[in-house]
Amino acid sequence: MILVLLLLRLWLWHFNGVFGVEAGVMKSLSVMEGDSVTLHTDTDTQRNDAVIQWMFGAQNPDIVIAEINREANISDVSDERFRDRVTMDSQTGSLTFTNIRTTDSGLYQVDITTDPVVVKTFNVTVYALLTVPVIISNSSQCSSSSESSAESKCSLLCSVVNVSHVTLSWFKGNSSISSISVSDLSISLSLPLEVEHQDKNTHSCVLNNNISNQTKHLDISQLCQPCAGITNHIVLISVSAVTLLIVAAAGMFFVCRKCRKMDQEGMYN
């Protein structure tokens, strides 16, 4: 039986598109990890001699994962990776995934031996669930920036870890002001931003892929505090100003007291 199925597949590969073979256009599906997904054959196979076979592969669908052979009374999901998560409709041969995984991404091909023979291919991309970006104050910039720059600018860093096929962006209002992307590698991403301490605009960091996004809004009042050196400088100026006021007040007090004493002595003389 296995030899017959392999010969059938070779025949379909070499004669796909000729009389007796109905080859559909490849369908592309993008789904989120954990979703339930059905690959529809759009075929109702009532014939007792029909054979329905699903193949899978990351680049080339060459592994049999499920099949229905009514003559041989076979209806089974044969691949261990899919057995507890995949079911096949006994009438149509449609394949349904529950709790789909990122490792399920790839090409799926179904061969249905009816008249005509039906061949359909699906390109499935499963995206991992996105996490909310993290925004931190990049305080190390205080020591390296000039005092005048540090007084007016707040350095921030937006980060995510273990991501792939995503874009990380800074937005001011609804406008993107910077972004960075990663394709198939699972890596960490960071994107810096400098804003004025008194900036009143709405800023946000957004992580997105083709079908979903996660957003973290910036709280400037919480993260953008003056550097320690600048704070100390402001405190020193304030203390000095208060001290000068106290000294000036004391001086005026003693001058007024002396003037009053001199006036009293003049009255007695």
C-alpha atoms as a PDB file:
ATOM      1  CA  MET A   1       0.000   0.000   0.000  1.00  0.00           C
ATOM      2  CA  ILE A   2       2.823   2.415   0.884  1.00  0.00           C
ATOM      3  CA  LEU A   3       4.485   1.703  -2.471  1.00  0.00           C
ATOM      4  CA  VAL A   4       1.203   2.402  -4.271  1.00  0.00           C
ATOM      5  CA  LEU A   5       0.792   5.727  -2.457  1.00  0.00           C
ATOM      6  CA  LEU A   6       4.365   6.753  -3.280  1.00  0.00           C
ATOM      7  CA  LEU A   7       3.875   5.884  -6.946  1.00  0.00           C
ATOM      8  CA  LEU A   8       0.631   7.860  -6.939  1.00  0.00           C
ATOM      9  CA  ARG A   9       2.425  10.872  -5.498  1.00  0.00           C
ATOM     10  CA  LEU A  10       5.206  10.681  -8.097  1.00  0.00           C
ATOM     11  CA  TRP A  11       2.591  10.524 -10.820  1.00  0.00           C
ATOM     12  CA  LEU A  12       0.843  13.607  -9.403  1.00  0.00           C
ATOM     13  CA  TRP A  13       4.129  15.518  -9.255  1.00  0.00           C
ATOM     14  CA  HIS A  14       4.988  14.777 -12.881  1.00  0.00           C
ATOM     15  CA  PHE A  15       1.538  15.216 -14.383  1.00  0.00           C
ATOM     16  CA  ASN A  16       0.083  17.942 -12.190  1.00  0.00           C
ATOM     17  CA  GLY A  17      -2.127  20.128 -14.357  1.00  0.00           C
ATOM     18  CA  VAL A  18      -2.804  17.623 -17.167  1.00  0.00           C
ATOM     19  CA  PHE A  19      -6.194  16.069 -17.952  1.00  0.00           C
ATOM     20  CA  GLY A  20      -7.627  14.257 -14.914  1.00  0.00           C
ATOM     21  CA  VAL A  21      -5.758  16.269 -12.269  1.00  0.00           C
ATOM     22  CA  GLU A  22      -7.356  19.287 -10.600  1.00  0.00           C
ATOM     23  CA  ALA A  23      -4.603  21.396  -9.007  1.00  0.00           C
ATOM     24  CA  GLY A  24      -5.717  24.399  -6.963  1.00  0.00           C
ATOM     25  CA  VAL A  25      -3.796  27.607  -6.313  1.00  0.00           C
ATOM     26  CA  MET A  26      -1.690  27.513  -3.148  1.00  0.00           C
ATOM     27  CA  LYS A  27      -3.533  29.118  -0.228  1.00  0.00           C
ATOM     28  CA  SER A  28      -1.621  31.052   2.424  1.00  0.00           C
ATOM     29  CA  LEU A  29      -2.832  31.235   6.022  1.00  0.00           C
ATOM     30  CA  SER A  30      -1.413  33.292   8.895  1.00  0.00           C
ATOM     31  CA  VAL A  31      -2.594  32.330  12.379  1.00  0.00           C
ATOM     32  CA  MET A  32      -1.654  32.878  16.018  1.00  0.00           C
ATOM     33  CA  GLU A  33      -0.139  30.212  18.236  1.00  0.00           C
ATOM     34  CA  GLY A  34      -2.902  28.404  20.139  1.00  0.00           C
ATOM     35  CA  ASP A  35      -5.593  29.018  17.509  1.00  0.00           C
ATOM     36  CA  SER A  36      -7.859  26.359  16.001  1.00  0.00           C
ATOM     37  CA  VAL A  37      -7.431  26.161  12.221  1.00  0.00           C
ATOM     38  CA  THR A  38      -9.081  24.085   9.476  1.00  0.00           C
ATOM     39  CA  LEU A  39      -7.526  23.389   6.077  1.00  0.00           C
ATOM     40  CA  HIS A  40     -10.558  22.869   3.846  1.00  0.00           C
ATOM     41  CA  THR A  41     -10.447  20.536   0.866  1.00  0.00           C
ATOM     42  CA  ASP A  42     -13.767  21.921  -0.458  1.00  0.00           C
ATOM     43  CA  THR A  43     -14.459  18.394  -1.689  1.00  0.00           C
ATOM     44  CA  ASP A  44     -17.146  15.911  -0.637  1.00  0.00           C
ATOM     45  CA  THR A  45     -15.748  12.465  -1.345  1.00  0.00           C
ATOM     46  CA  GLN A  46     -18.502   9.843  -1.173  1.00  0.00           C
ATOM     47  CA  ARG A  47     -16.770   7.225  -3.330  1.00  0.00           C
ATOM     48  CA  ASN A  48     -15.698   4.068  -1.519  1.00  0.00           C
ATOM     49  CA  ASP A  49     -12.445   3.875  -3.485  1.00  0.00           C
ATOM     50  CA  ALA A  50     -11.346   7.440  -2.607  1.00  0.00           C
ATOM     51  CA  VAL A  51      -7.941   7.902  -0.987  1.00  0.00           C
ATOM     52  CA  ILE A  52      -7.205  11.153   0.856  1.00  0.00           C
ATOM     53  CA  GLN A  53      -3.642  11.803   1.945  1.00  0.00           C
ATOM     54  CA  TRP A  54      -2.157  14.812   3.757  1.00  0.00           C
ATOM     55  CA  MET A  55       1.566  15.582   3.472  1.00  0.00           C
ATOM     56  CA  PHE A  56       3.627  18.098   5.469  1.00  0.00           C
ATOM     57  CA  GLY A  57       7.087  19.674   5.291  1.00  0.00           C
ATOM     58  CA  ALA A  58       8.763  22.924   6.303  1.00  0.00           C
ATOM     59  CA  GLN A  59       9.936  23.513   2.717  1.00  0.00           C
ATOM     60  CA  ASN A  60       8.535  20.527   0.802  1.00  0.00           C
ATOM     61  CA  PRO A  61       5.457  18.467   1.795  1.00  0.00           C
ATOM     62  CA  ASP A  62       7.027  14.990   1.859  1.00  0.00           C
ATOM     63  CA  ILE A  63       5.909  13.498   5.211  1.00  0.00           C
ATOM     64  CA  VAL A  64       2.566  11.682   5.417  1.00  0.00           C
ATOM     65  CA  ILE A  65       0.717  12.975   8.487  1.00  0.00           C
ATOM     66  CA  ALA A  66      -2.853  11.758   7.887  1.00  0.00           C
ATOM     67  CA  GLU A  67      -4.825   9.661   5.423  1.00  0.00           C
ATOM     68  CA  ILE A  68      -8.192   8.117   4.656  1.00  0.00           C
ATOM     69  CA  ASN A  69      -8.404   4.949   2.549  1.00  0.00           C
ATOM     70  CA  ARG A  70     -11.947   3.636   2.523  1.00  0.00           C
ATOM     71  CA  GLU A  71     -11.148   0.421   0.651  1.00  0.00           C
ATOM     72  CA  ALA A  72      -8.471  -0.479   3.207  1.00  0.00           C
ATOM     73  CA  ASN A  73     -10.602   0.910   6.071  1.00  0.00           C
ATOM     74  CA  ILE A  74      -7.834   3.332   7.090  1.00  0.00           C
ATOM     75  CA  SER A  75      -8.564   6.664   8.760  1.00  0.00           C
ATOM     76  CA  ASP A  76      -5.665   7.858  10.842  1.00  0.00           C
ATOM     77  CA  VAL A  77      -3.402  10.744  11.829  1.00  0.00           C
ATOM     78  CA  SER A  78      -0.113   8.892  11.590  1.00  0.00           C
ATOM     79  CA  ASP A  79       2.444  11.501  12.703  1.00  0.00           C
ATOM     80  CA  GLU A  80       3.023  11.634  16.482  1.00  0.00           C
ATOM     81  CA  ARG A  81       3.556  15.404  16.401  1.00  0.00           C
ATOM     82  CA  PHE A  82      -0.029  15.947  15.275  1.00  0.00           C
ATOM     83  CA  ARG A  83      -1.930  12.950  16.659  1.00  0.00           C
ATOM     84  CA  ASP A  84      -3.458  14.616  19.756  1.00  0.00           C
ATOM     85  CA  ARG A  85      -4.081  17.962  18.059  1.00  0.00           C
ATOM     86  CA  VAL A  86      -5.258  17.150  14.530  1.00  0.00           C
ATOM     87  CA  THR A  87      -8.476  15.575  13.274  1.00  0.00           C
ATOM     88  CA  MET A  88      -9.573  14.784   9.714  1.00  0.00           C
ATOM     89  CA  ASP A  89     -13.176  15.007   8.504  1.00  0.00           C
ATOM     90  CA  SER A  90     -14.219  11.564   7.284  1.00  0.00           C
ATOM     91  CA  GLN A  91     -16.410  12.997   4.501  1.00  0.00           C
ATOM     92  CA  THR A  92     -14.360  15.888   3.103  1.00  0.00           C
ATOM     93  CA  GLY A  93     -10.862  15.098   4.330  1.00  0.00           C
ATOM     94  CA  SER A  94     -10.496  18.630   5.743  1.00  0.00           C
ATOM     95  CA  LEU A  95      -7.748  18.854   8.376  1.00  0.00           C
ATOM     96  CA  THR A  96      -8.427  20.667  11.678  1.00  0.00           C
ATOM     97  CA  PHE A  97      -5.741  21.767  14.159  1.00  0.00           C
ATOM     98  CA  THR A  98      -6.443  22.583  17.794  1.00  0.00           C
ATOM     99  CA  ASN A  99      -3.843  24.522  19.794  1.00  0.00           C
ATOM    100  CA  ILE A 100      -1.647  25.018  16.728  1.00  0.00           C
ATOM    101  CA  ARG A 101       2.082  25.565  17.380  1.00  0.00           C
ATOM    102  CA  THR A 102       4.796  27.639  15.738  1.00  0.00           C
ATOM    103  CA  THR A 103       6.512  24.377  14.767  1.00  0.00           C
ATOM    104  CA  ASP A 104       3.444  23.572  12.650  1.00  0.00           C
ATOM    105  CA  SER A 105       4.424  26.300  10.171  1.00  0.00           C
ATOM    106  CA  GLY A 106       5.122  24.952   6.698  1.00  0.00           C
ATOM    107  CA  LEU A 107       3.565  23.491   3.559  1.00  0.00           C
ATOM    108  CA  TYR A 108       0.600  21.119   3.647  1.00  0.00           C
ATOM    109  CA  GLN A 109      -0.581  19.229   0.567  1.00  0.00           C
ATOM    110  CA  VAL A 110      -3.664  17.046   0.229  1.00  0.00           C
ATOM    111  CA  ASP A 111      -3.998  14.487  -2.579  1.00  0.00           C
ATOM    112  CA  ILE A 112      -7.527  13.175  -3.198  1.00  0.00           C
ATOM    113  CA  THR A 113      -7.869  10.301  -5.682  1.00  0.00           C
ATOM    114  CA  THR A 114     -11.310  10.991  -7.105  1.00  0.00           C
ATOM    115  CA  ASP A 115     -12.226  11.733 -10.704  1.00  0.00           C
ATOM    116  CA  PRO A 116     -10.583  14.107 -11.343  1.00  0.00           C
ATOM    117  CA  VAL A 117      -7.703  13.757  -8.875  1.00  0.00           C
ATOM    118  CA  VAL A 118      -7.620  16.810  -6.584  1.00  0.00           C
ATOM    119  CA  VAL A 119      -4.371  18.350  -5.315  1.00  0.00           C
ATOM    120  CA  LYS A 120      -4.412  21.324  -2.937  1.00  0.00           C
ATOM    121  CA  THR A 121      -1.516  23.048  -1.158  1.00  0.00           C
ATOM    122  CA  PHE A 122      -1.562  25.318   1.894  1.00  0.00           C
ATOM    123  CA  ASN A 123       1.253  27.533   3.175  1.00  0.00           C
ATOM    124  CA  VAL A 124       0.659  27.937   6.918  1.00  0.00           C
ATOM    125  CA  THR A 125       2.533  30.484   9.051  1.00  0.00           C
ATOM    126  CA  VAL A 126       2.018  30.309  12.814  1.00  0.00           C
ATOM    127  CA  TYR A 127       3.042  33.420  14.745  1.00  0.00           C
ATOM    128  CA  ALA A 128       4.061  33.258  18.403  1.00  0.00           C
ATOM    129  CA  LEU A 129       2.002  35.188  20.944  1.00  0.00           C
ATOM    130  CA  LEU A 130       3.402  38.684  21.393  1.00  0.00           C
ATOM    131  CA  THR A 131       4.510  40.056  24.758  1.00  0.00           C
ATOM    132  CA  VAL A 132       4.072  43.663  25.861  1.00  0.00           C
ATOM    133  CA  PRO A 133       7.266  45.710  25.291  1.00  0.00           C
ATOM    134  CA  VAL A 134       9.185  47.006  28.325  1.00  0.00           C
ATOM    135  CA  ILE A 135      10.256  50.672  28.549  1.00  0.00           C
ATOM    136  CA  ILE A 136      13.092  51.670  30.882  1.00  0.00           C
ATOM    137  CA  SER A 137      14.994  54.881  31.535  1.00  0.00           C
ATOM    138  CA  ASN A 138      18.504  54.664  30.119  1.00  0.00           C
ATOM    139  CA  SER A 139      20.090  56.429  33.115  1.00  0.00           C
ATOM    140  CA  SER A 140      23.634  55.666  31.972  1.00  0.00           C
ATOM    141  CA  GLN A 141      23.228  58.466  29.434  1.00  0.00           C
ATOM    142  CA  CYS A 142      23.450  61.047  32.235  1.00  0.00           C
ATOM    143  CA  SER A 143      27.180  60.607  32.687  1.00  0.00           C
ATOM    144  CA  SER A 144      28.011  60.620  28.973  1.00  0.00           C
ATOM    145  CA  SER A 145      25.788  63.503  27.866  1.00  0.00           C
ATOM    146  CA  SER A 146      26.679  67.134  28.216  1.00  0.00           C
ATOM    147  CA  GLU A 147      25.041  68.937  31.128  1.00  0.00           C
ATOM    148  CA  SER A 148      22.937  71.151  28.904  1.00  0.00           C
ATOM    149  CA  SER A 149      21.763  68.158  26.862  1.00  0.00           C
ATOM    150  CA  ALA A 150      21.046  66.047  29.942  1.00  0.00           C
ATOM    151  CA  GLU A 151      19.003  68.871  31.412  1.00  0.00           C
ATOM    152  CA  SER A 152      16.627  68.871  28.431  1.00  0.00           C
ATOM    153  CA  LYS A 153      16.662  65.246  27.189  1.00  0.00           C
ATOM    154  CA  CYS A 154      15.390  61.980  28.659  1.00  0.00           C
ATOM    155  CA  SER A 155      16.960  58.777  27.272  1.00  0.00           C
ATOM    156  CA  LEU A 156      14.680  55.730  27.063  1.00  0.00           C
ATOM    157  CA  LEU A 157      14.951  52.152  25.819  1.00  0.00           C
ATOM    158  CA  CYS A 158      12.097  49.907  24.634  1.00  0.00           C
ATOM    159  CA  SER A 159      12.894  46.164  24.620  1.00  0.00           C
ATOM    160  CA  VAL A 160      11.426  42.720  23.868  1.00  0.00           C
ATOM    161  CA  VAL A 161      13.024  39.263  24.158  1.00  0.00           C
ATOM    162  CA  ASN A 162      12.893  36.043  22.114  1.00  0.00           C
ATOM    163  CA  VAL A 163      10.937  37.362  19.137  1.00  0.00           C
ATOM    164  CA  SER A 164      10.873  36.602  15.403  1.00  0.00           C
ATOM    165  CA  HIS A 165       8.991  37.956  12.370  1.00  0.00           C
ATOM    166  CA  VAL A 166       8.175  41.192  14.229  1.00  0.00           C
ATOM    167  CA  THR A 167       8.690  44.960  14.065  1.00  0.00           C
ATOM    168  CA  LEU A 168       9.393  47.123  17.132  1.00  0.00           C
ATOM    169  CA  SER A 169       8.458  50.804  16.728  1.00  0.00           C
ATOM    170  CA  TRP A 170       8.292  54.088  18.629  1.00  0.00           C
ATOM    171  CA  PHE A 171       5.217  56.226  17.962  1.00  0.00           C
ATOM    172  CA  LYS A 172       4.544  59.886  18.731  1.00  0.00           C
ATOM    173  CA  GLY A 173       0.793  60.117  18.622  1.00  0.00           C
ATOM    174  CA  ASN A 174      -0.193  58.073  15.558  1.00  0.00           C
ATOM    175  CA  SER A 175       3.066  58.652  13.661  1.00  0.00           C
ATOM    176  CA  SER A 176       5.951  56.172  13.638  1.00  0.00           C
ATOM    177  CA  ILE A 177       9.249  57.913  14.434  1.00  0.00           C
ATOM    178  CA  SER A 178      11.611  54.890  14.462  1.00  0.00           C
ATOM    179  CA  SER A 179      11.465  51.115  14.015  1.00  0.00           C
ATOM    180  CA  ILE A 180      13.525  47.926  13.815  1.00  0.00           C
ATOM    181  CA  SER A 181      12.536  44.519  12.373  1.00  0.00           C
ATOM    182  CA  VAL A 182      13.653  40.894  12.652  1.00  0.00           C
ATOM    183  CA  SER A 183      12.723  38.016  10.335  1.00  0.00           C
ATOM    184  CA  ASP A 184      13.210  34.340  11.144  1.00  0.00           C
ATOM    185  CA  LEU A 185      15.689  34.554  14.037  1.00  0.00           C
ATOM    186  CA  SER A 186      14.510  34.414  17.658  1.00  0.00           C
ATOM    187  CA  ILE A 187      16.401  37.308  19.245  1.00  0.00           C
ATOM    188  CA  SER A 188      16.017  40.264  21.599  1.00  0.00           C
ATOM    189  CA  LEU A 189      15.290  43.730  20.217  1.00  0.00           C
ATOM    190  CA  SER A 190      15.882  47.177  21.731  1.00  0.00           C
ATOM    191  CA  LEU A 191      15.007  50.605  20.361  1.00  0.00           C
ATOM    192  CA  PRO A 192      16.219  53.873  21.965  1.00  0.00           C
ATOM    193  CA  LEU A 193      14.355  57.180  22.170  1.00  0.00           C
ATOM    194  CA  GLU A 194      15.179  60.666  23.449  1.00  0.00           C
ATOM    195  CA  VAL A 195      12.421  63.040  24.546  1.00  0.00           C
ATOM    196  CA  GLU A 196      12.261  66.387  26.313  1.00  0.00           C
ATOM    197  CA  HIS A 197      11.589  66.180  30.050  1.00  0.00           C
ATOM    198  CA  GLN A 198       8.621  68.490  29.592  1.00  0.00           C
ATOM    199  CA  ASP A 199       7.363  66.819  26.375  1.00  0.00           C
ATOM    200  CA  LYS A 200       3.554  66.708  26.437  1.00  0.00           C
ATOM    201  CA  ASN A 201       3.153  64.447  23.373  1.00  0.00           C
ATOM    202  CA  THR A 202       1.834  60.891  23.704  1.00  0.00           C
ATOM    203  CA  HIS A 203       4.588  58.339  23.067  1.00  0.00           C
ATOM    204  CA  SER A 204       4.187  54.569  22.802  1.00  0.00           C
ATOM    205  CA  CYS A 205       6.282  51.529  21.912  1.00  0.00           C
ATOM    206  CA  VAL A 206       4.548  48.979  19.654  1.00  0.00           C
ATOM    207  CA  LEU A 207       5.494  45.370  18.871  1.00  0.00           C
ATOM    208  CA  ASN A 208       3.654  43.929  15.879  1.00  0.00           C
ATOM    209  CA  ASN A 209       3.613  41.140  13.318  1.00  0.00           C
ATOM    210  CA  ASN A 210       1.309  40.530  10.356  1.00  0.00           C
ATOM    211  CA  ILE A 211      -1.773  39.741  12.437  1.00  0.00           C
ATOM    212  CA  SER A 212      -1.440  41.230  15.936  1.00  0.00           C
ATOM    213  CA  ASN A 213       0.292  43.882  18.057  1.00  0.00           C
ATOM    214  CA  GLN A 214       1.120  44.815  21.643  1.00  0.00           C
ATOM    215  CA  THR A 215       1.502  48.409  22.867  1.00  0.00           C
ATOM    216  CA  LYS A 216       3.237  49.988  25.875  1.00  0.00           C
ATOM    217  CA  HIS A 217       2.479  53.657  26.546  1.00  0.00           C
ATOM    218  CA  LEU A 218       5.226  55.915  27.896  1.00  0.00           C
ATOM    219  CA  ASP A 219       4.729  57.639  31.264  1.00  0.00           C
ATOM    220  CA  ILE A 220       7.215  60.512  31.023  1.00  0.00           C
ATOM    221  CA  SER A 221       6.523  61.771  34.549  1.00  0.00           C
ATOM    222  CA  GLN A 222       7.487  58.380  35.987  1.00  0.00           C
ATOM    223  CA  LEU A 223      10.532  57.516  33.871  1.00  0.00           C
ATOM    224  CA  CYS A 224      11.959  60.901  32.917  1.00  0.00           C
ATOM    225  CA  GLN A 225      13.488  62.266  36.119  1.00  0.00           C
ATOM    226  CA  PRO A 226      16.446  64.708  36.083  1.00  0.00           C
ATOM    227  CA  CYS A 227      19.878  63.127  36.511  1.00  0.00           C
ATOM    228  CA  ALA A 228      21.323  63.023  40.038  1.00  0.00           C
ATOM    229  CA  GLY A 229      24.036  65.569  39.243  1.00  0.00           C
ATOM    230  CA  ILE A 230      21.511  68.026  37.883  1.00  0.00           C
ATOM    231  CA  THR A 231      19.262  67.533  40.893  1.00  0.00           C
ATOM    232  CA  ASN A 232      22.165  68.205  43.265  1.00  0.00           C
ATOM    233  CA  HIS A 233      23.065  71.291  41.273  1.00  0.00           C
ATOM    234  CA  ILE A 234      19.516  72.598  41.549  1.00  0.00           C
ATOM    235  CA  VAL A 235      19.472  71.860  45.294  1.00  0.00           C
ATOM    236  CA  LEU A 236      22.802  73.664  45.757  1.00  0.00           C
ATOM    237  CA  ILE A 237      21.526  76.731  43.917  1.00  0.00           C
ATOM    238  CA  SER A 238      18.340  76.708  45.971  1.00  0.00           C
ATOM    239  CA  VAL A 239      20.242  76.411  49.275  1.00  0.00           C
ATOM    240  CA  SER A 240      22.613  79.190  48.239  1.00  0.00           C
ATOM    241  CA  ALA A 241      19.719  81.450  47.321  1.00  0.00           C
ATOM    242  CA  VAL A 242      17.993  80.815  50.653  1.00  0.00           C
ATOM    243  CA  THR A 243      21.256  81.435  52.520  1.00  0.00           C
ATOM    244  CA  LEU A 244      21.759  84.754  50.730  1.00  0.00           C
ATOM    245  CA  LEU A 245      18.215  85.783  51.587  1.00  0.00           C
ATOM    246  CA  ILE A 246      18.789  84.928  55.251  1.00  0.00           C
ATOM    247  CA  VAL A 247      22.083  86.863  55.316  1.00  0.00           C
ATOM    248  CA  ALA A 248      20.468  89.831  53.591  1.00  0.00           C
ATOM    249  CA  ALA A 249      17.540  89.781  56.004  1.00  0.00           C
ATOM    250  CA  ALA A 250      19.884  89.568  58.985  1.00  0.00           C
ATOM    251  CA  GLY A 251      21.970  92.452  57.644  1.00  0.00           C
ATOM    252  CA  MET A 252      18.892  94.588  57.159  1.00  0.00           C
ATOM    253  CA  PHE A 253      17.742  93.721  60.681  1.00  0.00           C
ATOM    254  CA  PHE A 254      21.005  94.848  62.253  1.00  0.00           C
ATOM    255  CA  VAL A 255      21.149  98.010  60.128  1.00  0.00           C
ATOM    256  CA  CYS A 256      17.595  98.922  61.099  1.00  0.00           C
ATOM    257  CA  ARG A 257      18.349  98.176  64.752  1.00  0.00           C
ATOM    258  CA  LYS A 258      21.432 100.409  64.699  1.00  0.00           C
ATOM    259  CA  CYS A 259      19.522 103.201  63.004  1.00  0.00           C
ATOM    260  CA  ARG A 260      16.759 102.968  65.615  1.00  0.00           C
ATOM    261  CA  LYS A 261      19.344 103.089  68.435  1.00  0.00           C
ATOM    262  CA  MET A 262      21.015 106.154  66.944  1.00  0.00           C
ATOM    263  CA  ASP A 263      17.646 107.885  66.667  1.00  0.00           C
ATOM    264  CA  GLN A 264      16.912 107.206  70.326  1.00  0.00           C
ATOM    265  CA  GLU A 265      20.320 108.570  71.438  1.00  0.00           C
ATOM    266  CA  GLY A 266      19.712 111.727  69.398  1.00  0.00           C
ATOM    267  CA  MET A 267      16.427 112.334  71.209  1.00  0.00           C
ATOM    268  CA  TYR A 268      18.063 112.173  74.664  1.00  0.00           C
ATOM    269  CA  ASN A 269      20.874 114.542  73.677  1.00  0.00           C
END
